Amino acid sequence: MAANLVLAQLRAQMVLHGYASNPTLALLYITDHYAANAQEILEHLSAELPEVTDWAGTVGIGIAANNVEYFDEPALAVMLLELPSDQYRVFSGVAPLGLTFEAHTALVHADPRTSEVAELIEELAQRTDSGYVFGGLSSSRGQAVQFAVAADGNVKGQGAASGVFSGGLSGVAFGPGVVLVSRVTQGCQPISRAHQVTGADRNVILTLDGAPALEVMLHELNVTLDEPREALQAVRATLVGMTDSTTMSETAPTVLRTGNFGPDVLVRHIIGLDPARAGVAVADVVTEGMELAFCQRNVQAARADLMRVCAEIREELEPQEQALETAAALAASEAEAAPHEARGIAGAIYVSCTGRGGAHFGAPSAELQIIRRALGDVPLVGFFAAGEIARHHLYGYTGVLTVFSTK
C-alpha cells in the first residue's frame, strides 16, 4: 500500500511542469520498519517504473519527504531525477566506480558497521574532482540495507545482484554537468573558546594549551570531582568539537566570531575520564596540533545555524539582480512559498542526525519546516543517519543539506 501511494503521487507529479517527466535515476529511502521488505519494495517499484534504470538509497530510523519527517513509523520516499546518462553513475561493491567516469562529487550511503568507514569515505572523496562527497551512514534497529542498481550492470564474476546490499559503500557519483550546492549545519554550540591539543595518546586528550585536559574541562563546566554526581551529569551532557590541524585556517576556524562552530568541526562523544593522567577520552583518535572546544547540544544554535546554511544556499543560487515580479515571488510568505524558476532549485537531499529531528527542534517536522520556509516547497528527500557525510569527513549531530540547481 505504501509503495502504491508513492507511485500514485509520483505519476501525478510527472505530468506537471517543472518535474521530471523522463526520469532514469531514483533515490529510495525507507524506515527500518520496512528493512525486511527491502527487496520486495525495490522489485515492485522497479516493475512499475520501468523507465527508471538506476536506483540508489538506504534505510533510516527516520526519513524525510518534502516538509515532513517520518520517525519511528513505517514509511518510504522516492525522488525521481532526470539527468543526462553521461553525468551520473550508481556504484556499489559489485559495481565499483570505474576509471572511465569523471566523478565531480558523489552521494554516499555507508554501513556503519563497515571497518574503517571514515577512511573509505576519505578515499572516495579523493577520487572526485571536487574532493567533496555527501550522504550518511544507514541507521536501523535491524538490518542496515542499501539500494544500488546500475544500468550498466555489475563487474564480471558478480552475477545477477539483487540491488539490495549490506556492508560497504554505495551511492551515486555525479559529473561536472550536475550543479549542486551543499552545506553542513552544526547542532552543538561551544561553551568555551577553542584550545590546542598539546598532548594526546590515541583517543585520550592529555593536555590542552599545556594544561591537564581534565582540569581544563572541569573548570569550563564549573564542576569538581569532589562532587562526583554533579560532575558526572555535566560531563554526560558535554561533547567535544575538534578540527584537524590540516584543515584549520583563518577563514574556517574551530569557533567562529558568532560563537558557533566552523564547517570543519567534528563533534565527538566523551567516552571516559583518565584521572591518573588527568586526561579525557573521546570517541575518535586525537593528535597534537588539533583544536578542540567543549560543547553541548543547543536547540537555538541548531535552528539558527540551519537558517544560516539555507540563506547561504539561496544567496549562491538566486541571481543578484531580479525583476520586481521575481523578487516579490521569492519574498512571499510561507503560505505562498512555492517552486519558482528564479530560485534555481530542482530538488534537495537532506541527511540529518538521528539525534536531531523534531524532538530536538521543538516540534514534529520543525527541522524540515525551517528548510521549507527558506527554500520554498521544493522536492526533498532524505534520512536520519547514524553519522553524516560531507566533504571527506564523517560528522555527528549535524545536518547536510544538498540542493540541485536547474542551471
Protein backbone atom coordinates (compact mmCIF):
# COMPACT_ATOMS: atom_id res chain seq x y z
CA MET A 1 0.00 0.00 0.00
CA ALA A 2 2.80 2.42 0.89
CA ALA A 3 4.61 1.74 -2.39
CA ASN A 4 1.43 2.23 -4.40
CA LEU A 5 0.66 5.51 -2.64
CA VAL A 6 4.15 6.73 -3.56
CA LEU A 7 3.69 5.64 -7.18
CA ALA A 8 0.37 7.48 -7.42
CA GLN A 9 1.96 10.69 -6.15
CA LEU A 10 4.94 10.34 -8.48
CA ARG A 11 2.78 9.79 -11.54
CA ALA A 12 0.67 12.82 -10.71
CA GLN A 13 3.80 14.97 -10.39
CA MET A 14 5.46 13.65 -13.57
CA VAL A 15 2.82 15.33 -15.73
CA LEU A 16 3.30 18.71 -14.06
CA HIS A 17 5.54 21.43 -15.48
CA GLY A 18 8.93 21.60 -13.81
CA TYR A 19 9.00 18.00 -12.61
CA ALA A 20 10.93 15.07 -14.10
CA SER A 21 8.86 13.58 -16.93
CA ASN A 22 11.52 11.15 -18.25
CA PRO A 23 13.49 10.08 -15.16
CA THR A 24 16.25 7.49 -15.27
CA LEU A 25 17.52 7.66 -11.67
CA ALA A 26 15.55 7.19 -8.44
CA LEU A 27 16.54 7.75 -4.81
CA LEU A 28 14.71 5.42 -2.41
CA TYR A 29 14.67 5.80 1.37
CA ILE A 30 12.79 3.56 3.79
CA THR A 31 12.41 3.45 7.56
CA ASP A 32 13.70 0.37 9.35
CA HIS A 33 10.13 -0.90 9.76
CA TYR A 34 10.40 -1.89 6.07
CA ALA A 35 14.01 -3.17 6.13
CA ALA A 36 12.89 -6.81 5.98
CA ASN A 37 10.81 -5.98 2.87
CA ALA A 38 13.54 -4.02 1.07
CA GLN A 39 13.91 -6.49 -1.79
CA GLU A 40 10.16 -6.70 -2.44
CA ILE A 41 9.81 -2.91 -2.34
CA LEU A 42 12.63 -2.41 -4.86
CA GLU A 43 11.29 -5.08 -7.20
CA HIS A 44 7.74 -3.67 -7.08
CA LEU A 45 8.83 -0.07 -7.70
CA SER A 46 11.23 -1.13 -10.47
CA ALA A 47 8.48 -3.07 -12.23
CA GLU A 48 6.06 -0.14 -12.00
CA LEU A 49 8.67 2.41 -13.18
CA PRO A 50 10.49 0.55 -15.99
CA GLU A 51 11.87 3.80 -17.43
CA VAL A 52 13.97 4.23 -14.28
CA THR A 53 17.14 2.21 -14.89
CA ASP A 54 19.19 3.23 -11.84
CA TRP A 55 18.30 3.13 -8.13
CA ALA A 56 20.13 4.25 -5.01
CA GLY A 57 19.15 4.72 -1.37
CA THR A 58 19.23 3.29 2.13
CA VAL A 59 17.37 2.77 5.41
CA GLY A 60 16.98 5.11 8.36
CA ILE A 61 15.25 5.12 11.72
CA GLY A 62 13.57 8.18 10.24
CA ILE A 63 13.21 9.55 6.71
CA ALA A 64 12.33 12.94 5.24
CA ALA A 65 9.95 13.69 2.39
CA ASN A 66 9.25 17.30 1.36
CA ASN A 67 8.16 19.09 4.54
CA VAL A 68 7.57 16.10 6.82
CA GLU A 69 9.75 13.74 8.83
CA TYR A 70 8.63 10.16 9.45
CA PHE A 71 10.32 8.94 12.62
CA ASP A 72 9.89 5.52 14.15
CA GLU A 73 6.98 4.55 11.85
CA PRO A 74 6.59 2.64 8.58
CA ALA A 75 7.43 4.99 5.70
CA LEU A 76 9.15 5.18 2.33
CA ALA A 77 10.02 8.04 -0.01
CA VAL A 78 11.17 8.20 -3.62
CA MET A 79 12.67 11.06 -5.62
CA LEU A 80 12.96 10.76 -9.39
CA LEU A 81 15.83 12.51 -11.18
CA GLU A 82 16.03 13.37 -14.86
CA LEU A 83 19.74 13.62 -15.59
CA PRO A 84 21.87 13.03 -18.69
CA SER A 85 23.06 9.42 -18.61
CA ASP A 86 26.69 10.52 -19.02
CA GLN A 87 26.51 12.70 -15.90
CA TYR A 88 25.99 10.09 -13.20
CA ARG A 89 26.93 6.54 -12.20
CA VAL A 90 25.45 4.34 -9.48
CA PHE A 91 28.20 2.48 -7.64
CA SER A 92 28.36 -0.34 -5.08
CA GLY A 93 30.52 -3.28 -4.08
CA VAL A 94 29.53 -5.18 -7.23
CA ALA A 95 29.57 -2.10 -9.48
CA PRO A 96 32.55 -0.03 -8.29
CA LEU A 97 33.19 3.47 -9.56
CA GLY A 98 35.42 2.85 -12.56
CA LEU A 99 38.16 4.99 -14.04
CA THR A 100 36.10 5.73 -17.15
CA PHE A 101 33.68 8.06 -15.33
CA GLU A 102 34.85 11.53 -14.29
CA ALA A 103 33.22 11.97 -10.87
CA HIS A 104 32.88 15.55 -9.69
CA THR A 105 31.08 14.72 -6.44
CA ALA A 106 29.04 11.83 -5.02
CA LEU A 107 26.07 10.95 -2.84
CA VAL A 108 27.26 8.23 -0.45
CA HIS A 109 25.37 5.69 1.68
CA ALA A 110 27.50 3.60 4.04
CA ASP A 111 27.01 0.79 6.52
CA PRO A 112 28.12 1.98 9.99
CA ARG A 113 29.45 -1.49 10.78
CA THR A 114 31.96 -1.33 7.92
CA SER A 115 35.56 -1.46 9.11
CA GLU A 116 37.44 1.85 8.70
CA VAL A 117 34.39 3.52 7.16
CA ALA A 118 35.80 7.03 7.75
CA GLU A 119 38.94 6.15 5.79
CA LEU A 120 36.86 4.71 2.93
CA ILE A 121 34.83 7.92 2.75
CA GLU A 122 38.01 9.99 2.62
CA GLU A 123 39.41 7.76 -0.12
CA LEU A 124 36.23 8.11 -2.18
CA ALA A 125 36.31 11.90 -1.81
CA GLN A 126 39.87 11.93 -3.14
CA ARG A 127 38.62 10.17 -6.29
CA THR A 128 36.30 13.09 -7.11
CA ASP A 129 37.38 16.28 -8.86
CA SER A 130 35.89 18.47 -6.13
CA GLY A 131 37.06 16.38 -3.17
CA TYR A 132 33.50 16.66 -1.86
CA VAL A 133 31.06 13.84 -1.12
CA PHE A 134 27.83 13.97 0.88
CA GLY A 135 25.39 11.50 2.43
CA GLY A 136 25.28 9.45 5.62
CA LEU A 137 25.53 6.15 7.45
CA SER A 138 22.48 3.89 7.41
CA SER A 139 20.58 3.78 10.72
CA SER A 140 18.47 0.79 11.68
CA ARG A 141 17.50 -1.26 14.71
CA GLY A 142 17.72 -4.29 12.45
CA GLN A 143 19.35 -4.86 9.08
CA ALA A 144 21.20 -1.87 7.59
CA VAL A 145 20.36 -2.15 3.88
CA GLN A 146 21.40 -0.09 0.88
CA PHE A 147 19.82 0.12 -2.57
CA ALA A 148 22.11 0.22 -5.62
CA VAL A 149 21.05 -0.73 -9.14
CA ALA A 150 23.28 0.37 -12.02
CA ALA A 151 22.06 0.45 -15.61
CA ASP A 152 25.45 -0.63 -16.94
CA GLY A 153 25.45 -3.77 -14.79
CA ASN A 154 27.93 -5.29 -12.37
CA VAL A 155 31.57 -6.23 -12.67
CA LYS A 156 32.34 -9.58 -14.27
CA GLY A 157 32.05 -12.53 -11.92
CA GLN A 158 29.49 -10.96 -9.59
CA GLY A 159 26.49 -12.48 -11.32
CA ALA A 160 23.00 -11.03 -11.07
CA ALA A 161 22.95 -8.84 -7.96
CA SER A 162 19.63 -8.18 -6.25
CA GLY A 163 20.15 -4.43 -5.85
CA VAL A 164 19.86 -4.65 -2.04
CA PHE A 165 23.16 -4.70 -0.13
CA SER A 166 24.56 -4.70 3.38
CA GLY A 167 28.05 -3.50 4.25
CA GLY A 168 30.45 -1.16 2.49
CA LEU A 169 29.64 1.96 0.50
CA SER A 170 27.22 2.65 -2.33
CA GLY A 171 25.63 5.69 -3.92
CA VAL A 172 25.62 7.92 -6.98
CA ALA A 173 28.61 9.75 -8.45
CA PHE A 174 27.74 12.94 -10.35
CA GLY A 175 29.62 14.52 -13.23
CA PRO A 176 30.52 18.23 -13.54
CA GLY A 177 27.30 18.86 -15.51
CA VAL A 178 25.17 18.25 -12.40
CA VAL A 179 25.27 21.53 -10.49
CA LEU A 180 24.67 21.30 -6.76
CA VAL A 181 25.33 23.31 -3.61
CA SER A 182 25.89 21.58 -0.27
CA ARG A 183 26.31 22.88 3.28
CA VAL A 184 26.83 21.40 6.76
CA THR A 185 24.83 22.70 9.71
CA GLN A 186 26.05 22.02 13.24
CA GLY A 187 23.77 21.05 16.12
CA CYS A 188 26.06 21.85 19.05
CA GLN A 189 27.34 25.12 20.49
CA PRO A 190 30.76 25.70 22.06
CA ILE A 191 30.71 26.53 25.77
CA SER A 192 34.22 27.97 25.64
CA ARG A 193 36.98 29.12 23.35
CA ALA A 194 39.00 26.67 21.30
CA HIS A 195 42.10 25.04 22.82
CA GLN A 196 45.10 23.48 21.13
CA VAL A 197 45.80 19.83 21.85
CA THR A 198 49.36 19.78 23.15
CA GLY A 199 49.39 16.18 24.40
CA ALA A 200 47.45 13.09 23.31
CA ASP A 201 47.60 9.29 23.40
CA ARG A 202 45.36 7.89 20.66
CA ASN A 203 41.84 8.78 21.83
CA VAL A 204 42.87 10.29 25.19
CA ILE A 205 43.44 14.04 25.36
CA LEU A 206 46.22 14.61 27.91
CA THR A 207 46.90 18.35 27.77
CA LEU A 208 45.19 21.42 26.29
CA ASP A 209 47.31 24.55 25.86
CA GLY A 210 49.86 22.82 28.08
CA ALA A 211 47.42 22.30 30.98
CA PRO A 212 45.92 18.94 32.07
CA ALA A 213 42.87 18.31 29.87
CA LEU A 214 40.68 17.04 32.72
CA GLU A 215 41.35 20.19 34.77
CA VAL A 216 40.53 22.41 31.77
CA MET A 217 37.23 20.63 31.16
CA LEU A 218 36.13 20.67 34.82
CA HIS A 219 36.97 24.38 35.05
CA GLU A 220 34.89 25.19 31.97
CA LEU A 221 31.98 23.09 33.22
CA ASN A 222 32.30 24.77 36.64
CA VAL A 223 32.27 21.40 38.46
CA THR A 224 34.67 19.48 40.67
CA LEU A 225 35.38 15.79 41.27
CA ASP A 226 34.72 16.46 44.96
CA GLU A 227 31.04 16.48 43.95
CA PRO A 228 31.01 13.42 41.65
CA ARG A 229 27.26 13.29 40.94
CA GLU A 230 27.09 16.87 39.67
CA ALA A 231 30.33 16.41 37.76
CA LEU A 232 29.09 13.22 36.09
CA GLN A 233 25.84 14.87 34.98
CA ALA A 234 27.74 17.80 33.47
CA VAL A 235 30.22 15.56 31.64
CA ARG A 236 27.42 13.38 30.23
CA ALA A 237 25.83 16.48 28.69
CA THR A 238 29.13 17.60 27.16
CA LEU A 239 30.78 16.72 23.85
CA VAL A 240 33.92 17.88 22.07
CA GLY A 241 34.21 19.68 18.74
CA MET A 242 37.55 19.00 17.04
CA THR A 243 39.30 20.43 13.99
CA ASP A 244 42.18 18.63 12.35
CA SER A 245 45.35 20.70 12.08
CA THR A 246 45.45 20.08 8.32
CA THR A 247 42.05 21.75 7.75
CA MET A 248 42.36 24.68 10.18
CA SER A 249 42.52 28.13 8.58
CA GLU A 250 41.71 31.76 9.31
CA THR A 251 38.60 31.51 7.11
CA ALA A 252 37.35 28.32 8.80
CA PRO A 253 38.33 28.45 12.49
CA THR A 254 37.08 25.99 15.08
CA VAL A 255 34.90 28.64 16.74
CA LEU A 256 33.53 31.45 14.59
CA ARG A 257 33.18 35.04 15.76
CA THR A 258 29.45 34.39 16.15
CA GLY A 259 30.21 31.79 18.81
CA ASN A 260 29.22 28.88 16.54
CA PHE A 261 31.37 26.05 15.21
CA GLY A 262 33.07 26.29 11.84
CA PRO A 263 32.17 23.89 8.98
CA ASP A 264 35.14 21.54 9.50
CA VAL A 265 34.46 20.80 13.16
CA LEU A 266 33.77 17.15 14.01
CA VAL A 267 31.66 16.61 17.14
CA ARG A 268 32.51 13.50 19.16
CA HIS A 269 31.32 11.91 22.44
CA ILE A 270 33.31 11.96 25.65
CA ILE A 271 33.59 8.25 26.49
CA GLY A 272 35.60 8.34 29.72
CA LEU A 273 37.94 10.12 32.10
CA ASP A 274 41.52 9.19 32.99
CA PRO A 275 42.13 10.64 36.49
CA ALA A 276 45.58 9.05 36.73
CA ARG A 277 46.82 11.08 33.74
CA ALA A 278 44.27 13.93 34.12
CA GLY A 279 43.04 13.04 30.63
CA VAL A 280 39.73 13.00 28.76
CA ALA A 281 38.89 10.08 26.44
CA VAL A 282 36.81 10.81 23.30
CA ALA A 283 35.32 8.66 20.54
CA ASP A 284 38.00 9.40 17.94
CA VAL A 285 41.75 9.48 17.53
CA VAL A 286 43.25 12.78 18.70
CA THR A 287 46.61 14.14 17.59
CA GLU A 288 48.75 17.01 18.80
CA GLY A 289 48.10 20.26 16.95
CA MET A 290 44.33 19.76 16.71
CA GLU A 291 41.99 22.43 18.01
CA LEU A 292 39.25 21.43 20.42
CA ALA A 293 36.31 23.11 22.15
CA PHE A 294 33.92 21.59 24.66
CA CYS A 295 30.31 21.91 23.57
CA GLN A 296 26.71 20.99 24.32
CA ARG A 297 23.65 20.37 22.18
CA ASN A 298 21.66 23.58 21.80
CA VAL A 299 18.24 23.99 20.17
CA GLN A 300 18.54 27.71 19.44
CA ALA A 301 22.01 27.32 17.97
CA ALA A 302 20.85 24.41 15.77
CA ARG A 303 17.88 26.42 14.44
CA ALA A 304 19.98 29.50 13.76
CA ASP A 305 22.72 27.53 12.02
CA LEU A 306 20.21 25.68 9.81
CA MET A 307 18.68 29.02 8.77
CA ARG A 308 22.18 30.31 8.05
CA VAL A 309 23.10 27.49 5.65
CA CYS A 310 19.74 27.80 3.88
CA ALA A 311 20.37 31.53 3.39
CA GLU A 312 23.85 30.79 2.01
CA ILE A 313 22.43 28.30 -0.49
CA ARG A 314 19.75 30.75 -1.65
CA GLU A 315 22.32 33.51 -2.00
CA GLU A 316 24.52 31.29 -4.15
CA LEU A 317 21.72 30.06 -6.41
CA GLU A 318 19.48 33.09 -6.84
CA PRO A 319 20.50 35.81 -9.32
CA GLN A 320 21.91 39.01 -7.85
CA GLU A 321 19.65 41.19 -10.00
CA GLN A 322 15.96 40.30 -10.16
CA ALA A 323 12.88 41.73 -11.81
CA LEU A 324 10.35 43.25 -9.41
CA GLU A 325 7.87 40.40 -10.06
CA THR A 326 10.53 37.77 -9.34
CA ALA A 327 11.72 39.47 -6.17
CA ALA A 328 8.15 39.70 -4.89
CA ALA A 329 7.61 35.98 -5.57
CA LEU A 330 10.78 35.00 -3.75
CA ALA A 331 9.89 37.20 -0.78
CA ALA A 332 6.44 35.64 -0.42
CA SER A 333 5.21 34.43 2.95
CA GLU A 334 5.47 30.79 3.97
CA ALA A 335 1.91 30.12 2.85
CA GLU A 336 2.78 31.37 -0.65
CA ALA A 337 6.19 29.73 -0.83
CA ALA A 338 6.27 27.52 -3.91
CA PRO A 339 8.77 26.34 -6.51
CA HIS A 340 9.87 29.29 -8.63
CA GLU A 341 12.23 29.20 -11.59
CA ALA A 342 14.24 32.11 -10.21
CA ARG A 343 15.17 30.06 -7.17
CA GLY A 344 17.16 27.78 -9.47
CA ILE A 345 16.33 24.76 -7.31
CA ALA A 346 15.30 21.45 -8.89
CA GLY A 347 15.29 19.42 -5.66
CA ALA A 348 17.14 18.75 -2.44
CA ILE A 349 18.57 15.93 -0.30
CA TYR A 350 18.76 16.35 3.47
CA VAL A 351 20.66 13.97 5.73
CA SER A 352 20.28 14.72 9.43
CA CYS A 353 21.46 13.01 12.61
CA THR A 354 19.15 10.59 14.41
CA GLY A 355 19.77 12.75 17.48
CA ARG A 356 18.19 15.78 15.81
CA GLY A 357 14.73 15.69 14.24
CA GLY A 358 11.52 17.22 15.59
CA ALA A 359 12.19 16.36 19.21
CA HIS A 360 15.41 18.39 19.17
CA PHE A 361 13.89 21.32 17.24
CA GLY A 362 10.82 21.62 19.44
CA ALA A 363 8.05 20.08 17.34
CA PRO A 364 7.46 17.27 14.80
CA SER A 365 8.98 18.17 11.41
CA ALA A 366 10.18 21.56 12.72
CA GLU A 367 13.62 20.97 11.20
CA LEU A 368 12.16 20.42 7.74
CA GLN A 369 9.79 23.36 8.10
CA ILE A 370 12.79 25.65 8.60
CA ILE A 371 14.18 24.41 5.27
CA ARG A 372 10.80 24.89 3.58
CA ARG A 373 10.48 28.46 4.79
CA ALA A 374 13.96 29.24 3.46
CA LEU A 375 13.93 27.37 0.14
CA GLY A 376 10.23 27.15 -0.69
CA ASP A 377 8.24 23.98 -1.22
CA VAL A 378 10.89 22.23 -3.32
CA PRO A 379 11.04 18.44 -3.79
CA LEU A 380 13.12 16.97 -0.96
CA VAL A 381 14.03 13.51 0.33
CA GLY A 382 16.49 12.27 2.88
CA PHE A 383 17.01 10.22 6.01
CA PHE A 384 18.16 10.41 9.61
CA ALA A 385 21.62 8.87 9.77
CA ALA A 386 23.97 7.25 12.25
CA GLY A 387 26.65 9.67 11.01
CA GLU A 388 26.59 12.39 8.36
CA ILE A 389 28.99 12.65 5.43
CA ALA A 390 30.21 15.93 3.94
CA ARG A 391 33.46 16.90 2.23
CA HIS A 392 35.72 14.00 3.25
CA HIS A 393 34.54 13.93 6.87
CA LEU A 394 32.21 11.76 8.93
CA TYR A 395 30.22 14.08 11.18
CA GLY A 396 27.87 13.66 14.13
CA TYR A 397 24.92 15.77 15.37
CA THR A 398 24.87 17.67 12.07
CA GLY A 399 22.62 18.12 9.06
CA VAL A 400 23.89 18.03 5.46
CA LEU A 401 21.66 19.93 3.02
CA THR A 402 22.39 19.49 -0.70
CA VAL A 403 20.41 21.38 -3.33
CA PHE A 404 20.39 20.52 -7.04
CA SER A 405 20.33 23.54 -9.34
CA THR A 406 18.28 23.87 -12.53
CA LYS A 407 21.07 25.95 -14.07
